[in-house]
Amino acid sequence: MKKILMGTVALIALASTALTVPVAALAAFIFARFAFRGREVLYTIFTLGLLFPVAIAILPIFIMVRNLGCSTTRWASRCRRRPSAFR
């Protein structure tokens, strides 16, 4: 059971990193190089998203999944929404 759980955690971490880094790099490039209408508004929204700790956003999701009794399954990790400044 412990090996399955560690494999699931590693899979989620690798997939999250593989998706987040390219998206964040492209967003940073666009904000740095291009001037477009709404740029400041979007930048402000992304920056405000960084003000909230991730634990505050994840806690209600964890409590809900735990109450459903599926906190150690792959289904629970697929159904959650990962909090991020780049949604």
PDB file of N, CA and C in Angstrom:
ATOM      1  N   MET A   1       0.823  -1.197   0.000  1.00  0.00           N
ATOM      2  CA  MET A   1       0.000   0.000   0.000  1.00  0.00           C
ATOM      3  C   MET A   1       0.868   1.263   0.000  1.00  0.00           C
ATOM      4  N   LYS A   2       1.964   1.227   0.776  1.00  0.00           N
ATOM      5  CA  LYS A   2       2.824   2.393   0.861  1.00  0.00           C
ATOM      6  C   LYS A   2       3.516   2.674  -0.476  1.00  0.00           C
ATOM      7  N   LYS A   3       3.925   1.626  -1.194  1.00  0.00           N
ATOM      8  CA  LYS A   3       4.562   1.812  -2.492  1.00  0.00           C
ATOM      9  C   LYS A   3       3.581   2.400  -3.509  1.00  0.00           C
ATOM     10  N   ILE A   4       2.334   1.959  -3.455  1.00  0.00           N
ATOM     11  CA  ILE A   4       1.321   2.488  -4.368  1.00  0.00           C
ATOM     12  C   ILE A   4       1.089   3.962  -4.085  1.00  0.00           C
ATOM     13  N   LEU A   5       1.003   4.307  -2.804  1.00  0.00           N
ATOM     14  CA  LEU A   5       0.777   5.700  -2.433  1.00  0.00           C
ATOM     15  C   LEU A   5       1.954   6.578  -2.862  1.00  0.00           C
ATOM     16  N   MET A   6       3.172   6.106  -2.653  1.00  0.00           N
ATOM     17  CA  MET A   6       4.344   6.881  -3.052  1.00  0.00           C
ATOM     18  C   MET A   6       4.422   7.021  -4.577  1.00  0.00           C
ATOM     19  N   GLY A   7       4.043   5.967  -5.291  1.00  0.00           N
ATOM     20  CA  GLY A   7       4.015   6.043  -6.746  1.00  0.00           C
ATOM     21  C   GLY A   7       2.998   7.056  -7.239  1.00  0.00           C
ATOM     22  N   THR A   8       1.845   7.096  -6.573  1.00  0.00           N
ATOM     23  CA  THR A   8       0.813   8.056  -6.930  1.00  0.00           C
ATOM     24  C   THR A   8       1.291   9.476  -6.671  1.00  0.00           C
ATOM     25  N   VAL A   9       1.922   9.695  -5.532  1.00  0.00           N
ATOM     26  CA  VAL A   9       2.428  11.025  -5.186  1.00  0.00           C
ATOM     27  C   VAL A   9       3.496  11.463  -6.187  1.00  0.00           C
ATOM     28  N   ALA A  10       4.394  10.561  -6.532  1.00  0.00           N
ATOM     29  CA  ALA A  10       5.446  10.893  -7.492  1.00  0.00           C
ATOM     30  C   ALA A  10       4.850  11.196  -8.865  1.00  0.00           C
ATOM     31  N   LEU A  11       3.853  10.423  -9.283  1.00  0.00           N
ATOM     32  CA  LEU A  11       3.213  10.655 -10.574  1.00  0.00           C
ATOM     33  C   LEU A  11       2.532  12.019 -10.616  1.00  0.00           C
ATOM     34  N   ILE A  12       1.840  12.363  -9.560  1.00  0.00           N
ATOM     35  CA  ILE A  12       1.153  13.657  -9.492  1.00  0.00           C
ATOM     36  C   ILE A  12       2.161  14.799  -9.494  1.00  0.00           C
ATOM     37  N   ALA A  13       3.233  14.658  -8.734  1.00  0.00           N
ATOM     38  CA  ALA A  13       4.250  15.711  -8.671  1.00  0.00           C
ATOM     39  C   ALA A  13       4.919  15.919 -10.025  1.00  0.00           C
ATOM     40  N   LEU A  14       5.268  14.851 -10.694  1.00  0.00           N
ATOM     41  CA  LEU A  14       5.911  14.970 -12.001  1.00  0.00           C
ATOM     42  C   LEU A  14       4.962  15.557 -13.047  1.00  0.00           C
ATOM     43  N   ALA A  15       3.725  15.111 -13.053  1.00  0.00           N
ATOM     44  CA  ALA A  15       2.761  15.627 -14.030  1.00  0.00           C
ATOM     45  C   ALA A  15       2.465  17.104 -13.779  1.00  0.00           C
ATOM     46  N   SER A  16       2.308  17.475 -12.514  1.00  0.00           N
ATOM     47  CA  SER A  16       2.050  18.883 -12.185  1.00  0.00           C
ATOM     48  C   SER A  16       3.205  19.768 -12.620  1.00  0.00           C
ATOM     49  N   THR A  17       4.410  19.329 -12.346  1.00  0.00           N
ATOM     50  CA  THR A  17       5.585  20.104 -12.715  1.00  0.00           C
ATOM     51  C   THR A  17       5.724  20.197 -14.230  1.00  0.00           C
ATOM     52  N   ALA A  18       5.503  19.078 -14.909  1.00  0.00           N
ATOM     53  CA  ALA A  18       5.644  19.057 -16.360  1.00  0.00           C
ATOM     54  C   ALA A  18       4.624  19.964 -17.048  1.00  0.00           C
ATOM     55  N   LEU A  19       3.471  20.168 -16.439  1.00  0.00           N
ATOM     56  CA  LEU A  19       2.458  21.046 -17.034  1.00  0.00           C
ATOM     57  C   LEU A  19       2.602  22.500 -16.590  1.00  0.00           C
ATOM     58  N   THR A  20       2.984  22.722 -15.344  1.00  0.00           N
ATOM     59  CA  THR A  20       3.022  24.074 -14.802  1.00  0.00           C
ATOM     60  C   THR A  20       4.198  24.885 -15.333  1.00  0.00           C
ATOM     61  N   VAL A  21       5.361  24.287 -15.428  1.00  0.00           N
ATOM     62  CA  VAL A  21       6.554  25.033 -15.838  1.00  0.00           C
ATOM     63  C   VAL A  21       6.432  25.608 -17.255  1.00  0.00           C
ATOM     64  N   PRO A  22       6.023  24.827 -18.253  1.00  0.00           N
ATOM     65  CA  PRO A  22       5.897  25.438 -19.585  1.00  0.00           C
ATOM     66  C   PRO A  22       4.806  26.516 -19.666  1.00  0.00           C
ATOM     67  N   VAL A  23       3.690  26.297 -18.999  1.00  0.00           N
ATOM     68  CA  VAL A  23       2.615  27.297 -19.024  1.00  0.00           C
ATOM     69  C   VAL A  23       3.068  28.579 -18.343  1.00  0.00           C
ATOM     70  N   ALA A  24       3.732  28.461 -17.208  1.00  0.00           N
ATOM     71  CA  ALA A  24       4.217  29.641 -16.495  1.00  0.00           C
ATOM     72  C   ALA A  24       5.285  30.371 -17.309  1.00  0.00           C
ATOM     73  N   ALA A  25       6.157  29.634 -17.969  1.00  0.00           N
ATOM     74  CA  ALA A  25       7.200  30.261 -18.789  1.00  0.00           C
ATOM     75  C   ALA A  25       6.593  31.016 -19.970  1.00  0.00           C
ATOM     76  N   LEU A  26       5.599  30.427 -20.605  1.00  0.00           N
ATOM     77  CA  LEU A  26       4.946  31.113 -21.721  1.00  0.00           C
ATOM     78  C   LEU A  26       4.204  32.360 -21.253  1.00  0.00           C
ATOM     79  N   ALA A  27       3.520  32.270 -20.112  1.00  0.00           N
ATOM     80  CA  ALA A  27       2.816  33.446 -19.580  1.00  0.00           C
ATOM     81  C   ALA A  27       3.806  34.546 -19.223  1.00  0.00           C
ATOM     82  N   ALA A  28       4.920  34.190 -18.619  1.00  0.00           N
ATOM     83  CA  ALA A  28       5.929  35.193 -18.265  1.00  0.00           C
ATOM     84  C   ALA A  28       6.505  35.853 -19.513  1.00  0.00           C
ATOM     85  N   PHE A  29       6.749  35.064 -20.550  1.00  0.00           N
ATOM     86  CA  PHE A  29       7.272  35.617 -21.798  1.00  0.00           C
ATOM     87  C   PHE A  29       6.291  36.609 -22.408  1.00  0.00           C
ATOM     88  N   ILE A  30       5.023  36.251 -22.433  1.00  0.00           N
ATOM     89  CA  ILE A  30       4.012  37.129 -23.024  1.00  0.00           C
ATOM     90  C   ILE A  30       3.868  38.416 -22.223  1.00  0.00           C
ATOM     91  N   PHE A  31       3.866  38.308 -20.904  1.00  0.00           N
ATOM     92  CA  PHE A  31       3.769  39.517 -20.076  1.00  0.00           C
ATOM     93  C   PHE A  31       5.000  40.411 -20.248  1.00  0.00           C
ATOM     94  N   ALA A  32       6.156  39.812 -20.444  1.00  0.00           N
ATOM     95  CA  ALA A  32       7.381  40.607 -20.554  1.00  0.00           C
ATOM     96  C   ALA A  32       7.558  41.241 -21.935  1.00  0.00           C
ATOM     97  N   ARG A  33       7.122  40.583 -22.998  1.00  0.00           N
ATOM     98  CA  ARG A  33       7.445  41.027 -24.356  1.00  0.00           C
ATOM     99  C   ARG A  33       6.330  41.762 -25.090  1.00  0.00           C
ATOM    100  N   PHE A  34       5.085  41.481 -24.748  1.00  0.00           N
ATOM    101  CA  PHE A  34       3.982  42.020 -25.535  1.00  0.00           C
ATOM    102  C   PHE A  34       3.128  42.979 -24.720  1.00  0.00           C
ATOM    103  N   ALA A  35       2.690  44.040 -25.373  1.00  0.00           N
ATOM    104  CA  ALA A  35       1.750  44.976 -24.762  1.00  0.00           C
ATOM    105  C   ALA A  35       0.382  44.717 -25.389  1.00  0.00           C
ATOM    106  N   PHE A  36      -0.618  44.424 -24.565  1.00  0.00           N
ATOM    107  CA  PHE A  36      -1.953  44.160 -25.058  1.00  0.00           C
ATOM    108  C   PHE A  36      -2.973  44.709 -24.072  1.00  0.00           C
ATOM    109  N   ARG A  37      -4.186  44.907 -24.558  1.00  0.00           N
ATOM    110  CA  ARG A  37      -5.234  45.454 -23.715  1.00  0.00           C
ATOM    111  C   ARG A  37      -5.571  44.437 -22.620  1.00  0.00           C
ATOM    112  N   GLY A  38      -5.633  44.889 -21.376  1.00  0.00           N
ATOM    113  CA  GLY A  38      -5.943  44.016 -20.248  1.00  0.00           C
ATOM    114  C   GLY A  38      -4.725  43.379 -19.610  1.00  0.00           C
ATOM    115  N   ARG A  39      -3.556  43.720 -20.096  1.00  0.00           N
ATOM    116  CA  ARG A  39      -2.318  43.130 -19.576  1.00  0.00           C
ATOM    117  C   ARG A  39      -2.148  43.419 -18.086  1.00  0.00           C
ATOM    118  N   GLU A  40      -2.351  44.665 -17.698  1.00  0.00           N
ATOM    119  CA  GLU A  40      -2.177  45.039 -16.286  1.00  0.00           C
ATOM    120  C   GLU A  40      -3.214  44.362 -15.403  1.00  0.00           C
ATOM    121  N   VAL A  41      -4.420  44.235 -15.900  1.00  0.00           N
ATOM    122  CA  VAL A  41      -5.480  43.572 -15.120  1.00  0.00           C
ATOM    123  C   VAL A  41      -5.134  42.104 -14.906  1.00  0.00           C
ATOM    124  N   LEU A  42      -4.732  41.424 -15.966  1.00  0.00           N
ATOM    125  CA  LEU A  42      -4.347  40.011 -15.828  1.00  0.00           C
ATOM    126  C   LEU A  42      -3.147  39.842 -14.905  1.00  0.00           C
ATOM    127  N   TYR A  43      -2.179  40.708 -15.049  1.00  0.00           N
ATOM    128  CA  TYR A  43      -0.998  40.632 -14.188  1.00  0.00           C
ATOM    129  C   TYR A  43      -1.382  40.836 -12.721  1.00  0.00           C
ATOM    130  N   THR A  44      -2.300  41.760 -12.473  1.00  0.00           N
ATOM    131  CA  THR A  44      -2.761  42.006 -11.101  1.00  0.00           C
ATOM    132  C   THR A  44      -3.494  40.784 -10.548  1.00  0.00           C
ATOM    133  N   ILE A  45      -4.319  40.160 -11.372  1.00  0.00           N
ATOM    134  CA  ILE A  45      -5.036  38.956 -10.922  1.00  0.00           C
ATOM    135  C   ILE A  45      -4.045  37.845 -10.584  1.00  0.00           C
ATOM    136  N   PHE A  46      -3.054  37.623 -11.434  1.00  0.00           N
ATOM    137  CA  PHE A  46      -2.044  36.600 -11.155  1.00  0.00           C
ATOM    138  C   PHE A  46      -1.275  36.921  -9.878  1.00  0.00           C
ATOM    139  N   THR A  47      -0.922  38.181  -9.704  1.00  0.00           N
ATOM    140  CA  THR A  47      -0.174  38.587  -8.514  1.00  0.00           C
ATOM    141  C   THR A  47      -1.014  38.427  -7.250  1.00  0.00           C
ATOM    142  N   LEU A  48      -2.281  38.776  -7.315  1.00  0.00           N
ATOM    143  CA  LEU A  48      -3.162  38.590  -6.157  1.00  0.00           C
ATOM    144  C   LEU A  48      -3.333  37.116  -5.814  1.00  0.00           C
ATOM    145  N   GLY A  49      -3.283  36.265  -6.816  1.00  0.00           N
ATOM    146  CA  GLY A  49      -3.363  34.827  -6.570  1.00  0.00           C
ATOM    147  C   GLY A  49      -2.190  34.307  -5.753  1.00  0.00           C
ATOM    148  N   LEU A  50      -1.071  35.005  -5.798  1.00  0.00           N
ATOM    149  CA  LEU A  50       0.104  34.590  -5.028  1.00  0.00           C
ATOM    150  C   LEU A  50       0.032  34.997  -3.557  1.00  0.00           C
ATOM    151  N   LEU A  51      -0.931  35.853  -3.217  1.00  0.00           N
ATOM    152  CA  LEU A  51      -1.059  36.303  -1.833  1.00  0.00           C
ATOM    153  C   LEU A  51      -1.603  35.230  -0.894  1.00  0.00           C
ATOM    154  N   PHE A  52      -2.386  34.312  -1.437  1.00  0.00           N
ATOM    155  CA  PHE A  52      -3.028  33.306  -0.612  1.00  0.00           C
ATOM    156  C   PHE A  52      -2.180  32.046  -0.534  1.00  0.00           C
ATOM    157  N   PRO A  53      -1.910  31.573   0.683  1.00  0.00           N
ATOM    158  CA  PRO A  53      -1.121  30.341   0.806  1.00  0.00           C
ATOM    159  C   PRO A  53      -1.880  29.150   0.202  1.00  0.00           C
ATOM    160  N   VAL A  54      -1.146  28.243  -0.386  1.00  0.00           N
ATOM    161  CA  VAL A  54      -1.744  27.075  -1.022  1.00  0.00           C
ATOM    162  C   VAL A  54      -2.510  26.240  -0.009  1.00  0.00           C
ATOM    163  N   ALA A  55      -2.038  26.168   1.229  1.00  0.00           N
ATOM    164  CA  ALA A  55      -2.697  25.354   2.250  1.00  0.00           C
ATOM    165  C   ALA A  55      -4.132  25.814   2.508  1.00  0.00           C
ATOM    166  N   ILE A  56      -4.382  27.094   2.402  1.00  0.00           N
ATOM    167  CA  ILE A  56      -5.732  27.604   2.626  1.00  0.00           C
ATOM    168  C   ILE A  56      -6.669  27.126   1.524  1.00  0.00           C
ATOM    169  N   ALA A  57      -6.194  27.051   0.326  1.00  0.00           N
ATOM    170  CA  ALA A  57      -7.024  26.601  -0.785  1.00  0.00           C
ATOM    171  C   ALA A  57      -7.205  25.085  -0.797  1.00  0.00           C
ATOM    172  N   ILE A  58      -6.200  24.353  -0.337  1.00  0.00           N
ATOM    173  CA  ILE A  58      -6.246  22.895  -0.396  1.00  0.00           C
ATOM    174  C   ILE A  58      -7.033  22.294   0.768  1.00  0.00           C
ATOM    175  N   LEU A  59      -7.052  22.936   1.904  1.00  0.00           N
ATOM    176  CA  LEU A  59      -7.691  22.368   3.096  1.00  0.00           C
ATOM    177  C   LEU A  59      -9.151  21.982   2.884  1.00  0.00           C
ATOM    178  N   PRO A  60     -10.022  22.836   2.340  1.00  0.00           N
ATOM    179  CA  PRO A  60     -11.410  22.395   2.140  1.00  0.00           C
ATOM    180  C   PRO A  60     -11.542  21.217   1.184  1.00  0.00           C
ATOM    181  N   ILE A  61     -10.681  21.168   0.158  1.00  0.00           N
ATOM    182  CA  ILE A  61     -10.720  20.045  -0.776  1.00  0.00           C
ATOM    183  C   ILE A  61     -10.304  18.764  -0.067  1.00  0.00           C
ATOM    184  N   PHE A  62      -9.267  18.838   0.763  1.00  0.00           N
ATOM    185  CA  PHE A  62      -8.816  17.656   1.497  1.00  0.00           C
ATOM    186  C   PHE A  62      -9.899  17.150   2.435  1.00  0.00           C
ATOM    187  N   ILE A  63     -10.554  18.054   3.151  1.00  0.00           N
ATOM    188  CA  ILE A  63     -11.612  17.648   4.090  1.00  0.00           C
ATOM    189  C   ILE A  63     -12.751  16.970   3.337  1.00  0.00           C
ATOM    190  N   MET A  64     -13.135  17.505   2.189  1.00  0.00           N
ATOM    191  CA  MET A  64     -14.209  16.908   1.404  1.00  0.00           C
ATOM    192  C   MET A  64     -13.824  15.507   0.918  1.00  0.00           C
ATOM    193  N   VAL A  65     -12.615  15.353   0.399  1.00  0.00           N
ATOM    194  CA  VAL A  65     -12.165  14.052  -0.099  1.00  0.00           C
ATOM    195  C   VAL A  65     -12.032  13.055   1.044  1.00  0.00           C
ATOM    196  N   ARG A  66     -11.535  13.507   2.189  1.00  0.00           N
ATOM    197  CA  ARG A  66     -11.408  12.626   3.344  1.00  0.00           C
ATOM    198  C   ARG A  66     -12.771  12.156   3.820  1.00  0.00           C
ATOM    199  N   ASN A  67     -13.764  13.052   3.839  1.00  0.00           N
ATOM    200  CA  ASN A  67     -15.111  12.676   4.257  1.00  0.00           C
ATOM    201  C   ASN A  67     -15.760  11.697   3.292  1.00  0.00           C
ATOM    202  N   LEU A  68     -15.371  11.742   2.034  1.00  0.00           N
ATOM    203  CA  LEU A  68     -15.869  10.776   1.057  1.00  0.00           C
ATOM    204  C   LEU A  68     -15.197   9.414   1.216  1.00  0.00           C
ATOM    205  N   GLY A  69     -14.090   9.377   1.953  1.00  0.00           N
ATOM    206  CA  GLY A  69     -13.395   8.121   2.209  1.00  0.00           C
ATOM    207  C   GLY A  69     -12.492   7.673   1.073  1.00  0.00           C
ATOM    208  N   CYS A  70     -12.043   8.579   0.261  1.00  0.00           N
ATOM    209  CA  CYS A  70     -11.203   8.183  -0.873  1.00  0.00           C
ATOM    210  C   CYS A  70      -9.946   9.042  -0.958  1.00  0.00           C
ATOM    211  N   SER A  71      -9.364   9.352   0.166  1.00  0.00           N
ATOM    212  CA  SER A  71      -8.211  10.253   0.159  1.00  0.00           C
ATOM    213  C   SER A  71      -6.926   9.592  -0.335  1.00  0.00           C
ATOM    214  N   THR A  72      -6.881   8.276  -0.416  1.00  0.00           N
ATOM    215  CA  THR A  72      -5.653   7.612  -0.879  1.00  0.00           C
ATOM    216  C   THR A  72      -5.841   6.946  -2.229  1.00  0.00           C
ATOM    217  N   THR A  73      -6.809   7.394  -3.007  1.00  0.00           N
ATOM    218  CA  THR A  73      -7.033   6.798  -4.317  1.00  0.00           C
ATOM    219  C   THR A  73      -6.610   7.761  -5.416  1.00  0.00           C
ATOM    220  N   ARG A  74      -6.390   7.226  -6.596  1.00  0.00           N
ATOM    221  CA  ARG A  74      -6.034   8.080  -7.729  1.00  0.00           C
ATOM    222  C   ARG A  74      -7.227   8.920  -8.167  1.00  0.00           C
ATOM    223  N   TRP A  75      -8.431   8.425  -7.925  1.00  0.00           N
ATOM    224  CA  TRP A  75      -9.633   9.169  -8.285  1.00  0.00           C
ATOM    225  C   TRP A  75      -9.653  10.518  -7.579  1.00  0.00           C
ATOM    226  N   ALA A  76      -9.285  10.533  -6.316  1.00  0.00           N
ATOM    227  CA  ALA A  76      -9.304  11.780  -5.552  1.00  0.00           C
ATOM    228  C   ALA A  76      -8.315  12.787  -6.118  1.00  0.00           C
ATOM    229  N   SER A  77      -7.166  12.334  -6.543  1.00  0.00           N
ATOM    230  CA  SER A  77      -6.170  13.263  -7.084  1.00  0.00           C
ATOM    231  C   SER A  77      -6.556  13.764  -8.469  1.00  0.00           C
ATOM    232  N   ARG A  78      -7.329  12.999  -9.214  1.00  0.00           N
ATOM    233  CA  ARG A  78      -7.777  13.455 -10.529  1.00  0.00           C
ATOM    234  C   ARG A  78      -8.907  14.472 -10.430  1.00  0.00           C
ATOM    235  N   CYS A  79      -9.720  14.359  -9.405  1.00  0.00           N
ATOM    236  CA  CYS A  79     -10.904  15.205  -9.293  1.00  0.00           C
ATOM    237  C   CYS A  79     -10.626  16.539  -8.613  1.00  0.00           C
ATOM    238  N   ARG A  80      -9.495  16.687  -8.003  1.00  0.00           N
ATOM    239  CA  ARG A  80      -9.225  17.947  -7.322  1.00  0.00           C
ATOM    240  C   ARG A  80      -8.793  19.007  -8.320  1.00  0.00           C
ATOM    241  N   ARG A  81      -8.933  20.260  -7.929  1.00  0.00           N
ATOM    242  CA  ARG A  81      -8.429  21.364  -8.745  1.00  0.00           C
ATOM    243  C   ARG A  81      -7.208  21.916  -8.052  1.00  0.00           C
ATOM    244  N   ARG A  82      -6.122  21.985  -8.766  1.00  0.00           N
ATOM    245  CA  ARG A  82      -4.887  22.457  -8.179  1.00  0.00           C
ATOM    246  C   ARG A  82      -4.892  23.979  -8.115  1.00  0.00           C
ATOM    247  N   PRO A  83      -4.779  24.534  -6.903  1.00  0.00           N
ATOM    248  CA  PRO A  83      -4.730  25.993  -6.797  1.00  0.00           C
ATOM    249  C   PRO A  83      -3.451  26.547  -7.417  1.00  0.00           C
ATOM    250  N   SER A  84      -3.589  27.573  -8.176  1.00  0.00           N
ATOM    251  CA  SER A  84      -2.434  28.147  -8.840  1.00  0.00           C
ATOM    252  C   SER A  84      -2.755  29.581  -9.238  1.00  0.00           C
ATOM    253  N   ALA A  85      -1.735  30.357  -9.381  1.00  0.00           N
ATOM    254  CA  ALA A  85      -1.932  31.722  -9.850  1.00  0.00           C
ATOM    255  C   ALA A  85      -2.240  31.733 -11.344  1.00  0.00           C
ATOM    256  N   PHE A  86      -1.907  30.651 -12.046  1.00  0.00           N
ATOM    257  CA  PHE A  86      -2.114  30.598 -13.494  1.00  0.00           C
ATOM    258  C   PHE A  86      -3.253  29.656 -13.839  1.00  0.00           C
ATOM    259  N   ARG A  87      -4.492  30.046 -13.546  1.00  0.00           N
ATOM    260  CA  ARG A  87      -5.652  29.217 -13.907  1.00  0.00           C
ATOM    261  C   ARG A  87      -6.261  29.703 -15.164  1.00  0.00           C
TER     262      ARG A  87
END
